[in-house]
Amino acid sequence: MPIAPSPSRVVLVAVLVVLLGSCAGPGNAPAAAPSLAPPASPAASAAASTVPPVAPSTPARPGTFPIPAGATIVVDPGHNGRNGPGSGIDRPVPDGRGGTKPCNTTGASSAEGYPEHAFTWAVSQDLAQRLRARGYRVVLARDSDDGVGPCVDVRGEAGARAHAAAVISVHADGGPTSGHGFHVLYSSPPLNPAQRGPARALADAAVTAMRGAGFTPATYIGRGGLDARGDIAGLNLASVPSVLVECANLRNPADAALARSPQGQQRLAEALAAAVG
């Protein structure tokens, strides 16, 4: 039969339990199981404690090319009022693809003689005012409609000189009289990172804005309002996102009437301004 423990042995066991429990206190806790992850370095720990939280950015309006307020946008009114014979605009300049182009041209005109340079100046002035009202810094590629040039290579470099986020070049076409509508040109094949993706995104945004304002994509050139081009020196030489918008066909009577009317010019300027956000 089992032997009952004596009272003295029970007391001794109790004392040992108490002593062992005190040895396993906070200062003598058992070691934790080793972690498989390497310990963080002191530098990494310090950096983690000083990294500020990332502030959420304001999302761009859907369908627009995102440009934050305060950024610079170059608005390029095509041609100029004194481009013509004897002005030197026929001299060759680099085209951005190893060839040359004339410095500039006189531009298109309607059957009644309304000139492209006057149209582009009017729309660009309105466009610049709208963009400035939204907080953008706007640089015009020419400062009047009574001069010559600048040449297309100089216009192509205007965005980089101004440290611009984008360039919008305003034009009107001289296509077949039966054709009407707008088209947006961008450089293709691309020659630099700005042309590789951002320029196409800006072109898409311009098409979306023009269509949203009720304007019809060109029926005689391009596809769905887009026109990928390799022969436009100002686009080839651009190192920031750049597009050239042929807003209307001045050889088409209905387009010409729209282009020369103040209401039409305001609608076009409003549409182009809506392309960026």
Protein backbone atom coordinates (compact mmCIF):
# COMPACT_ATOMS: atom_id res chain seq x y z
CA MET A 1 0.00 0.00 0.00
CA PRO A 2 1.30 3.61 -0.69
CA ILE A 3 3.06 5.45 2.08
CA ALA A 4 1.56 8.84 3.01
CA PRO A 5 4.07 11.75 2.90
CA SER A 6 5.13 13.17 6.22
CA PRO A 7 4.16 16.78 7.12
CA SER A 8 7.80 17.90 6.99
CA ARG A 9 8.21 16.71 3.37
CA VAL A 10 5.02 18.56 2.29
CA VAL A 11 6.37 21.78 3.77
CA LEU A 12 9.71 21.35 2.02
CA VAL A 13 8.06 20.87 -1.39
CA ALA A 14 5.90 23.97 -0.92
CA VAL A 15 8.97 26.07 -0.08
CA LEU A 16 10.77 24.87 -3.20
CA VAL A 17 7.77 25.78 -5.43
CA VAL A 18 7.67 29.30 -4.02
CA LEU A 19 11.42 29.78 -4.54
CA LEU A 20 11.33 28.56 -8.15
CA GLY A 21 8.35 30.82 -8.94
CA SER A 22 10.24 33.89 -7.73
CA CYS A 23 13.22 33.03 -9.95
CA ALA A 24 10.98 33.12 -13.08
CA GLY A 25 9.91 36.74 -12.52
CA PRO A 26 10.04 39.62 -15.05
CA GLY A 27 13.80 39.86 -14.98
CA ASN A 28 14.32 36.16 -15.56
CA ALA A 29 11.63 35.27 -18.12
CA PRO A 30 12.36 32.33 -20.43
CA ALA A 31 13.90 33.32 -23.78
CA ALA A 32 11.42 33.66 -26.63
CA ALA A 33 11.61 31.34 -29.61
CA PRO A 34 14.00 32.73 -32.28
CA SER A 35 12.39 34.57 -35.24
CA LEU A 36 13.10 33.53 -38.84
CA ALA A 37 13.02 37.18 -40.01
CA PRO A 38 16.34 39.09 -39.71
CA PRO A 39 16.32 41.80 -37.05
CA ALA A 40 15.79 45.37 -38.31
CA SER A 41 18.94 47.47 -38.45
CA PRO A 42 19.16 50.56 -36.19
CA ALA A 43 19.19 52.79 -39.31
CA ALA A 44 16.03 51.17 -40.68
CA SER A 45 14.28 51.52 -37.35
CA ALA A 46 15.22 55.21 -37.14
CA ALA A 47 14.07 55.86 -40.70
CA ALA A 48 10.74 54.13 -40.09
CA SER A 49 10.11 56.39 -37.13
CA THR A 50 10.75 59.59 -39.13
CA VAL A 51 8.90 58.87 -42.42
CA PRO A 52 5.91 61.25 -42.61
CA PRO A 53 2.53 59.87 -43.64
CA VAL A 54 1.75 60.19 -47.37
CA ALA A 55 -0.93 62.76 -47.99
CA PRO A 56 -3.65 61.58 -50.37
CA SER A 57 -3.47 63.28 -53.77
CA THR A 58 -6.46 64.92 -55.36
CA PRO A 59 -7.65 62.60 -58.12
CA ALA A 60 -7.84 63.97 -61.64
CA ARG A 61 -11.23 64.42 -63.20
CA PRO A 62 -12.10 61.32 -65.26
CA GLY A 63 -10.96 61.58 -68.86
CA THR A 64 -8.54 64.46 -68.27
CA PHE A 65 -4.76 64.70 -68.40
CA PRO A 66 -3.69 65.23 -64.75
CA ILE A 67 -1.81 68.48 -64.18
CA PRO A 68 -1.73 69.97 -60.67
CA ALA A 69 -2.68 73.60 -60.11
CA GLY A 70 0.38 75.84 -60.15
CA ALA A 71 2.08 73.89 -62.93
CA THR A 72 3.05 75.52 -66.23
CA ILE A 73 1.23 74.87 -69.49
CA VAL A 74 2.51 76.18 -72.82
CA VAL A 75 -0.20 77.31 -75.23
CA ASP A 76 1.09 77.58 -78.79
CA PRO A 77 -1.02 79.64 -81.21
CA GLY A 78 -0.13 78.28 -84.63
CA HIS A 79 1.53 80.46 -87.31
CA ASN A 80 1.69 84.29 -87.01
CA GLY A 81 0.23 87.41 -88.60
CA ARG A 82 3.26 88.41 -90.67
CA ASN A 83 4.32 84.98 -91.89
CA GLY A 84 4.54 85.42 -95.63
CA PRO A 85 6.82 85.99 -98.61
CA GLY A 86 10.10 87.62 -97.65
CA SER A 87 9.64 86.91 -93.95
CA GLY A 88 12.21 84.09 -93.87
CA ILE A 89 9.73 81.42 -92.83
CA ASP A 90 10.74 79.17 -95.73
CA ARG A 91 14.27 78.54 -94.43
CA PRO A 92 14.87 74.93 -93.33
CA VAL A 93 15.03 73.95 -89.67
CA PRO A 94 15.42 70.51 -88.00
CA ASP A 95 12.31 68.33 -88.06
CA GLY A 96 13.34 66.12 -85.14
CA ARG A 97 13.79 62.96 -87.23
CA GLY A 98 16.99 63.75 -89.08
CA GLY A 99 15.44 65.89 -91.81
CA THR A 100 14.28 69.47 -92.19
CA LYS A 101 11.04 71.42 -92.43
CA PRO A 102 10.29 75.03 -93.36
CA CYS A 103 10.63 77.35 -90.39
CA ASN A 104 6.90 78.08 -90.55
CA THR A 105 4.06 78.67 -92.99
CA THR A 106 1.30 81.19 -93.51
CA GLY A 107 -1.31 78.66 -92.40
CA ALA A 108 -4.71 77.85 -93.85
CA SER A 109 -7.59 80.21 -94.58
CA SER A 110 -11.29 80.00 -95.31
CA ALA A 111 -12.82 80.63 -98.72
CA GLU A 112 -13.68 84.13 -97.47
CA GLY A 113 -10.08 84.76 -96.43
CA TYR A 114 -10.34 84.25 -92.67
CA PRO A 115 -6.75 83.28 -91.71
CA GLU A 116 -5.68 80.48 -89.43
CA HIS A 117 -3.26 82.72 -87.52
CA ALA A 118 -6.11 85.00 -86.41
CA PHE A 119 -8.20 82.01 -85.32
CA THR A 120 -5.39 80.38 -83.34
CA TRP A 121 -4.54 83.67 -81.62
CA ALA A 122 -8.15 84.27 -80.55
CA VAL A 123 -8.68 80.73 -79.22
CA SER A 124 -5.28 80.64 -77.50
CA GLN A 125 -5.92 83.93 -75.71
CA ASP A 126 -9.22 82.60 -74.40
CA LEU A 127 -7.68 79.24 -73.50
CA ALA A 128 -4.84 80.90 -71.59
CA GLN A 129 -7.31 83.00 -69.60
CA ARG A 130 -9.35 79.94 -68.65
CA LEU A 131 -6.29 77.97 -67.56
CA ARG A 132 -4.95 80.88 -65.48
CA ALA A 133 -8.32 81.19 -63.77
CA ARG A 134 -7.88 77.56 -62.67
CA GLY A 135 -4.49 78.25 -61.12
CA TYR A 136 -2.11 77.28 -63.92
CA ARG A 137 0.86 79.31 -65.09
CA VAL A 138 0.48 79.79 -68.85
CA VAL A 139 3.25 80.63 -71.31
CA LEU A 140 2.28 81.61 -74.87
CA ALA A 141 4.62 80.55 -77.67
CA ARG A 142 4.10 83.96 -79.30
CA ASP A 143 3.02 87.21 -77.69
CA SER A 144 1.05 88.84 -80.52
CA ASP A 145 -0.54 88.21 -83.89
CA ASP A 146 1.62 90.79 -85.63
CA GLY A 147 4.97 89.04 -85.95
CA VAL A 148 6.91 86.29 -87.73
CA GLY A 149 7.40 82.76 -86.44
CA PRO A 150 8.72 81.45 -84.17
CA CYS A 151 10.04 78.55 -86.20
CA VAL A 152 8.63 75.10 -85.58
CA ASP A 153 11.83 73.85 -83.95
CA VAL A 154 11.71 76.71 -81.44
CA ARG A 155 8.06 75.94 -80.72
CA GLY A 156 8.94 72.28 -80.21
CA GLU A 157 11.43 73.22 -77.49
CA ALA A 158 9.12 75.73 -75.79
CA GLY A 159 7.76 73.21 -73.29
CA ALA A 160 11.21 72.25 -72.03
CA ARG A 161 12.34 75.88 -71.80
CA ALA A 162 9.29 76.74 -69.69
CA HIS A 163 9.58 73.57 -67.56
CA ALA A 164 5.99 72.92 -68.59
CA ALA A 165 3.80 69.98 -67.69
CA ALA A 166 2.21 70.01 -71.16
CA VAL A 167 2.00 71.86 -74.46
CA ILE A 168 -1.22 72.48 -76.36
CA SER A 169 -0.69 73.77 -79.89
CA VAL A 170 -3.82 75.36 -81.40
CA HIS A 171 -4.39 75.11 -85.16
CA ALA A 172 -7.07 74.89 -87.85
CA ASP A 173 -6.79 72.69 -90.91
CA GLY A 174 -7.10 73.36 -94.61
CA GLY A 175 -8.55 70.02 -95.71
CA PRO A 176 -11.08 69.06 -98.40
CA THR A 177 -14.23 71.18 -98.44
CA SER A 178 -16.38 68.08 -97.94
CA GLY A 179 -14.50 67.11 -94.75
CA HIS A 180 -15.23 68.57 -91.35
CA GLY A 181 -14.36 68.13 -87.70
CA PHE A 182 -11.31 68.22 -85.41
CA HIS A 183 -8.33 65.95 -85.01
CA VAL A 184 -5.57 65.78 -82.41
CA LEU A 185 -2.00 65.10 -83.52
CA TYR A 186 0.73 63.48 -81.43
CA SER A 187 4.24 62.34 -82.36
CA SER A 188 4.49 58.72 -83.49
CA PRO A 189 6.60 56.67 -83.41
CA PRO A 190 7.69 58.20 -80.10
CA LEU A 191 11.21 59.57 -79.72
CA ASN A 192 11.47 60.01 -75.95
CA PRO A 193 9.66 59.01 -72.73
CA ALA A 194 7.32 62.01 -72.80
CA GLN A 195 6.11 61.01 -76.26
CA ARG A 196 5.96 57.31 -75.43
CA GLY A 197 2.94 57.45 -73.13
CA PRO A 198 2.10 60.88 -71.70
CA ALA A 199 1.67 62.60 -75.08
CA ARG A 200 -0.79 59.94 -76.17
CA ALA A 201 -2.65 60.30 -72.86
CA LEU A 202 -2.87 64.07 -73.43
CA ALA A 203 -4.15 63.44 -76.96
CA ASP A 204 -6.81 61.05 -75.65
CA ALA A 205 -7.88 63.63 -73.07
CA ALA A 206 -8.14 66.33 -75.74
CA VAL A 207 -10.32 64.08 -77.91
CA THR A 208 -12.53 63.25 -74.93
CA ALA A 209 -12.93 66.93 -74.06
CA MET A 210 -13.69 67.99 -77.63
CA ARG A 211 -16.25 65.24 -78.10
CA GLY A 212 -17.77 66.03 -74.71
CA ALA A 213 -18.25 69.61 -75.85
CA GLY A 214 -20.19 68.44 -78.91
CA PHE A 215 -17.45 68.67 -81.56
CA THR A 216 -17.20 65.99 -84.25
CA PRO A 217 -14.00 64.03 -84.93
CA ALA A 218 -12.63 64.69 -88.41
CA THR A 219 -14.40 62.81 -91.18
CA TYR A 220 -11.46 63.01 -93.61
CA ILE A 221 -8.29 62.29 -91.59
CA GLY A 222 -7.16 60.37 -88.52
CA ARG A 223 -9.26 57.87 -86.64
CA GLY A 224 -11.80 58.83 -84.00
CA GLY A 225 -10.23 62.26 -83.62
CA LEU A 226 -6.66 60.95 -83.15
CA ASP A 227 -3.91 61.45 -85.71
CA ALA A 228 -0.52 59.79 -85.06
CA ARG A 229 2.13 61.70 -87.03
CA GLY A 230 5.86 61.58 -87.61
CA ASP A 231 6.15 64.67 -89.80
CA ILE A 232 5.32 67.44 -87.32
CA ALA A 233 8.59 69.04 -86.17
CA GLY A 234 7.07 70.80 -83.16
CA LEU A 235 5.81 67.46 -81.81
CA ASN A 236 8.93 65.47 -82.72
CA LEU A 237 11.19 67.91 -80.87
CA ALA A 238 9.01 68.08 -77.77
CA SER A 239 10.39 66.56 -74.57
CA VAL A 240 7.23 67.20 -72.53
CA PRO A 241 3.73 65.87 -73.33
CA SER A 242 2.59 67.82 -76.40
CA VAL A 243 -0.33 67.74 -78.82
CA LEU A 244 -1.41 69.77 -81.81
CA VAL A 245 -5.17 70.26 -82.13
CA GLU A 246 -6.61 70.98 -85.56
CA CYS A 247 -9.83 72.45 -84.16
CA ALA A 248 -11.73 72.73 -87.43
CA ASN A 249 -11.36 72.59 -91.21
CA LEU A 250 -11.34 76.15 -92.52
CA ARG A 251 -12.04 74.96 -96.05
CA ASN A 252 -15.38 73.54 -94.93
CA PRO A 253 -18.08 76.26 -94.84
CA ALA A 254 -19.71 75.09 -91.60
CA ASP A 255 -16.39 74.65 -89.80
CA ALA A 256 -15.18 78.03 -91.05
CA ALA A 257 -18.31 79.73 -89.73
CA LEU A 258 -17.73 78.12 -86.34
CA ALA A 259 -14.05 79.08 -86.31
CA ARG A 260 -14.56 82.77 -87.05
CA SER A 261 -17.45 83.29 -84.62
CA PRO A 262 -16.65 84.51 -81.09
CA GLN A 263 -19.09 81.93 -79.69
CA GLY A 264 -17.36 79.12 -81.57
CA GLN A 265 -13.93 80.27 -80.42
CA GLN A 266 -15.12 80.38 -76.81
CA ARG A 267 -16.59 76.87 -77.06
CA LEU A 268 -13.34 75.53 -78.49
CA ALA A 269 -11.23 77.22 -75.82
CA GLU A 270 -13.50 75.86 -73.10
CA ALA A 271 -13.21 72.35 -74.54
CA LEU A 272 -9.42 72.49 -74.73
CA ALA A 273 -9.19 73.78 -71.16
CA ALA A 274 -11.32 70.85 -70.03
CA ALA A 275 -8.72 68.39 -71.35
CA VAL A 276 -6.44 68.98 -68.36
CA GLY A 277 -7.28 68.46 -64.72
